[in-house]
Amino acid sequence: MSKQIATFDDLRDAVMAYRLPRVLIAAFELDLFTAIGTDVWTIPDLAREMKVSERGLAILCRNLAMAGVSNFGWAMK
């Protein structure tokens, strides 16, 4: 039986429960963690290296940081 969404907090929790797996899947599909390795990157440099959209990569890294997956704050230049 699924829990009924009765409040805004319930809605936010439901959205977040779906969002984190999608963010992780996107990072794995792009092989983001391998690309980062142990180096320090700026978003523009990493996007160029990975041949992906700078804006999209920034959004993905920001979502990973908000989820507490890793500290991507260093790359937000």
N, C-alpha and C. Protein backbone atom coordinates (compact mmCIF):
# COMPACT_ATOMS: atom_id res chain seq x y z
N MET A 1 0.84 -1.17 0.00
CA MET A 1 0.00 0.00 0.00
C MET A 1 0.89 1.24 0.00
N SER A 2 0.59 2.18 -0.88
CA SER A 2 1.41 3.40 -0.94
C SER A 2 0.83 4.46 -0.01
N LYS A 3 1.72 5.31 0.47
CA LYS A 3 1.33 6.38 1.38
C LYS A 3 0.67 7.50 0.58
N GLN A 4 -0.41 8.01 1.09
CA GLN A 4 -1.11 9.10 0.43
C GLN A 4 -0.38 10.42 0.67
N ILE A 5 -0.28 11.22 -0.36
CA ILE A 5 0.37 12.53 -0.25
C ILE A 5 -0.67 13.52 0.24
N ALA A 6 -0.47 13.99 1.48
CA ALA A 6 -1.46 14.87 2.11
C ALA A 6 -0.94 16.27 2.37
N THR A 7 0.39 16.42 2.39
CA THR A 7 0.97 17.74 2.69
C THR A 7 2.05 18.06 1.68
N PHE A 8 2.48 19.30 1.70
CA PHE A 8 3.58 19.71 0.83
C PHE A 8 4.84 18.92 1.16
N ASP A 9 5.09 18.67 2.44
CA ASP A 9 6.27 17.90 2.84
C ASP A 9 6.21 16.48 2.26
N ASP A 10 5.02 15.89 2.24
CA ASP A 10 4.86 14.56 1.64
C ASP A 10 5.19 14.61 0.15
N LEU A 11 4.74 15.65 -0.53
CA LEU A 11 5.00 15.81 -1.96
C LEU A 11 6.50 15.99 -2.20
N ARG A 12 7.12 16.85 -1.41
CA ARG A 12 8.56 17.07 -1.55
C ARG A 12 9.34 15.78 -1.32
N ASP A 13 8.96 15.02 -0.31
CA ASP A 13 9.64 13.75 -0.03
C ASP A 13 9.48 12.76 -1.19
N ALA A 14 8.30 12.73 -1.79
CA ALA A 14 8.05 11.83 -2.92
C ALA A 14 8.90 12.22 -4.12
N VAL A 15 8.99 13.51 -4.39
CA VAL A 15 9.80 13.99 -5.52
C VAL A 15 11.27 13.69 -5.27
N MET A 16 11.74 13.94 -4.07
CA MET A 16 13.15 13.70 -3.74
C MET A 16 13.49 12.21 -3.81
N ALA A 17 12.55 11.36 -3.44
CA ALA A 17 12.78 9.91 -3.50
C ALA A 17 13.00 9.46 -4.94
N TYR A 18 12.39 10.13 -5.87
CA TYR A 18 12.56 9.80 -7.30
C TYR A 18 13.80 10.48 -7.88
N ARG A 19 14.06 11.71 -7.44
CA ARG A 19 15.12 12.51 -8.04
C ARG A 19 16.52 11.95 -7.80
N LEU A 20 16.82 11.54 -6.59
CA LEU A 20 18.17 11.07 -6.29
C LEU A 20 18.58 9.88 -7.16
N PRO A 21 17.75 8.86 -7.30
CA PRO A 21 18.17 7.77 -8.19
C PRO A 21 18.42 8.23 -9.63
N ARG A 22 17.61 9.16 -10.13
CA ARG A 22 17.81 9.66 -11.50
C ARG A 22 19.12 10.42 -11.61
N VAL A 23 19.45 11.21 -10.60
CA VAL A 23 20.70 11.97 -10.61
C VAL A 23 21.89 11.00 -10.59
N LEU A 24 21.82 9.98 -9.76
CA LEU A 24 22.90 9.00 -9.69
C LEU A 24 23.03 8.23 -11.00
N ILE A 25 21.92 7.84 -11.58
CA ILE A 25 21.95 7.12 -12.85
C ILE A 25 22.60 7.98 -13.93
N ALA A 26 22.23 9.25 -13.98
CA ALA A 26 22.82 10.16 -14.97
C ALA A 26 24.33 10.27 -14.77
N ALA A 27 24.77 10.39 -13.52
CA ALA A 27 26.21 10.49 -13.23
C ALA A 27 26.93 9.22 -13.66
N PHE A 28 26.34 8.07 -13.37
CA PHE A 28 26.96 6.80 -13.76
C PHE A 28 26.97 6.61 -15.27
N GLU A 29 25.88 6.98 -15.93
CA GLU A 29 25.82 6.84 -17.38
C GLU A 29 26.86 7.71 -18.08
N LEU A 30 27.13 8.87 -17.51
CA LEU A 30 28.15 9.76 -18.08
C LEU A 30 29.56 9.37 -17.64
N ASP A 31 29.65 8.42 -16.73
CA ASP A 31 30.93 8.02 -16.16
C ASP A 31 31.61 9.23 -15.49
N LEU A 32 30.79 10.02 -14.82
CA LEU A 32 31.25 11.28 -14.22
C LEU A 32 32.33 11.06 -13.16
N PHE A 33 32.14 10.09 -12.30
CA PHE A 33 33.09 9.90 -11.21
C PHE A 33 34.46 9.46 -11.73
N THR A 34 34.47 8.67 -12.78
CA THR A 34 35.73 8.27 -13.40
C THR A 34 36.39 9.47 -14.06
N ALA A 35 35.59 10.28 -14.73
CA ALA A 35 36.14 11.47 -15.40
C ALA A 35 36.75 12.43 -14.39
N ILE A 36 36.11 12.59 -13.26
CA ILE A 36 36.63 13.50 -12.23
C ILE A 36 37.90 12.92 -11.63
N GLY A 37 37.87 11.64 -11.33
CA GLY A 37 39.04 11.00 -10.73
C GLY A 37 39.44 11.70 -9.45
N THR A 38 40.72 11.97 -9.31
CA THR A 38 41.21 12.67 -8.12
C THR A 38 41.62 14.10 -8.44
N ASP A 39 41.33 14.52 -9.67
CA ASP A 39 41.69 15.87 -10.09
C ASP A 39 40.66 16.89 -9.61
N VAL A 40 41.08 18.14 -9.60
CA VAL A 40 40.18 19.25 -9.31
C VAL A 40 39.82 19.89 -10.65
N TRP A 41 38.54 20.01 -10.91
CA TRP A 41 38.05 20.52 -12.19
C TRP A 41 37.15 21.73 -11.98
N THR A 42 37.13 22.61 -12.95
CA THR A 42 36.06 23.59 -13.03
C THR A 42 34.99 22.97 -13.93
N ILE A 43 33.78 23.45 -13.82
CA ILE A 43 32.69 22.92 -14.65
C ILE A 43 33.01 23.10 -16.14
N PRO A 44 33.45 24.28 -16.59
CA PRO A 44 33.73 24.43 -18.03
C PRO A 44 34.80 23.45 -18.53
N ASP A 45 35.87 23.27 -17.75
CA ASP A 45 36.93 22.35 -18.18
C ASP A 45 36.46 20.90 -18.20
N LEU A 46 35.72 20.51 -17.18
CA LEU A 46 35.22 19.13 -17.12
C LEU A 46 34.20 18.88 -18.24
N ALA A 47 33.34 19.85 -18.50
CA ALA A 47 32.35 19.70 -19.58
C ALA A 47 33.05 19.55 -20.93
N ARG A 48 34.09 20.33 -21.13
CA ARG A 48 34.86 20.21 -22.37
C ARG A 48 35.52 18.84 -22.48
N GLU A 49 36.12 18.38 -21.40
CA GLU A 49 36.78 17.08 -21.37
C GLU A 49 35.79 15.94 -21.65
N MET A 50 34.59 16.05 -21.06
CA MET A 50 33.58 14.99 -21.22
C MET A 50 32.74 15.15 -22.48
N LYS A 51 32.88 16.31 -23.14
CA LYS A 51 32.09 16.63 -24.34
C LYS A 51 30.59 16.62 -24.04
N VAL A 52 30.24 17.33 -22.95
CA VAL A 52 28.84 17.47 -22.54
C VAL A 52 28.53 18.95 -22.34
N SER A 53 27.26 19.24 -22.18
CA SER A 53 26.80 20.60 -21.95
C SER A 53 27.30 21.12 -20.61
N GLU A 54 27.88 22.30 -20.62
CA GLU A 54 28.35 22.92 -19.38
C GLU A 54 27.20 23.16 -18.42
N ARG A 55 26.09 23.66 -18.95
CA ARG A 55 24.92 23.93 -18.10
C ARG A 55 24.38 22.64 -17.49
N GLY A 56 24.25 21.60 -18.31
CA GLY A 56 23.74 20.33 -17.82
C GLY A 56 24.65 19.71 -16.77
N LEU A 57 25.96 19.79 -16.99
CA LEU A 57 26.91 19.25 -16.03
C LEU A 57 26.84 20.02 -14.72
N ALA A 58 26.71 21.33 -14.79
CA ALA A 58 26.60 22.15 -13.58
C ALA A 58 25.36 21.76 -12.78
N ILE A 59 24.25 21.54 -13.47
CA ILE A 59 23.01 21.14 -12.80
C ILE A 59 23.19 19.78 -12.15
N LEU A 60 23.80 18.84 -12.87
CA LEU A 60 24.02 17.50 -12.32
C LEU A 60 24.92 17.56 -11.09
N CYS A 61 26.03 18.28 -11.16
CA CYS A 61 26.94 18.39 -10.03
C CYS A 61 26.28 19.07 -8.84
N ARG A 62 25.49 20.09 -9.10
CA ARG A 62 24.77 20.78 -8.02
C ARG A 62 23.80 19.83 -7.33
N ASN A 63 23.10 19.01 -8.11
CA ASN A 63 22.17 18.04 -7.53
C ASN A 63 22.90 16.97 -6.73
N LEU A 64 24.04 16.53 -7.20
CA LEU A 64 24.83 15.56 -6.45
C LEU A 64 25.31 16.16 -5.12
N ALA A 65 25.74 17.41 -5.17
CA ALA A 65 26.20 18.08 -3.94
C ALA A 65 25.04 18.26 -2.96
N MET A 66 23.87 18.66 -3.47
CA MET A 66 22.70 18.85 -2.59
C MET A 66 22.27 17.53 -1.96
N ALA A 67 22.48 16.42 -2.67
CA ALA A 67 22.11 15.11 -2.14
C ALA A 67 23.16 14.59 -1.17
N GLY A 68 24.29 15.28 -1.07
CA GLY A 68 25.34 14.87 -0.16
C GLY A 68 26.17 13.71 -0.67
N VAL A 69 26.08 13.45 -1.99
CA VAL A 69 26.83 12.34 -2.58
C VAL A 69 28.32 12.61 -2.51
N SER A 70 28.71 13.83 -2.77
CA SER A 70 30.12 14.20 -2.73
C SER A 70 30.20 15.71 -2.65
N ASN A 71 31.36 16.22 -2.40
CA ASN A 71 31.54 17.66 -2.33
C ASN A 71 31.92 18.17 -3.72
N PHE A 72 30.91 18.60 -4.47
CA PHE A 72 31.14 19.11 -5.80
C PHE A 72 31.27 20.63 -5.81
N GLY A 73 31.30 21.25 -4.64
CA GLY A 73 31.38 22.70 -4.56
C GLY A 73 32.63 23.26 -5.22
N TRP A 74 33.73 22.50 -5.19
CA TRP A 74 34.98 22.95 -5.78
C TRP A 74 34.86 23.16 -7.28
N ALA A 75 33.93 22.49 -7.91
CA ALA A 75 33.82 22.55 -9.37
C ALA A 75 32.87 23.63 -9.84
N MET A 76 32.30 24.39 -8.95
CA MET A 76 31.25 25.33 -9.34
C MET A 76 31.78 26.71 -9.69
N LYS A 77 32.91 26.77 -10.40
CA LYS A 77 33.49 28.05 -10.81
C LYS A 77 32.91 28.48 -12.13
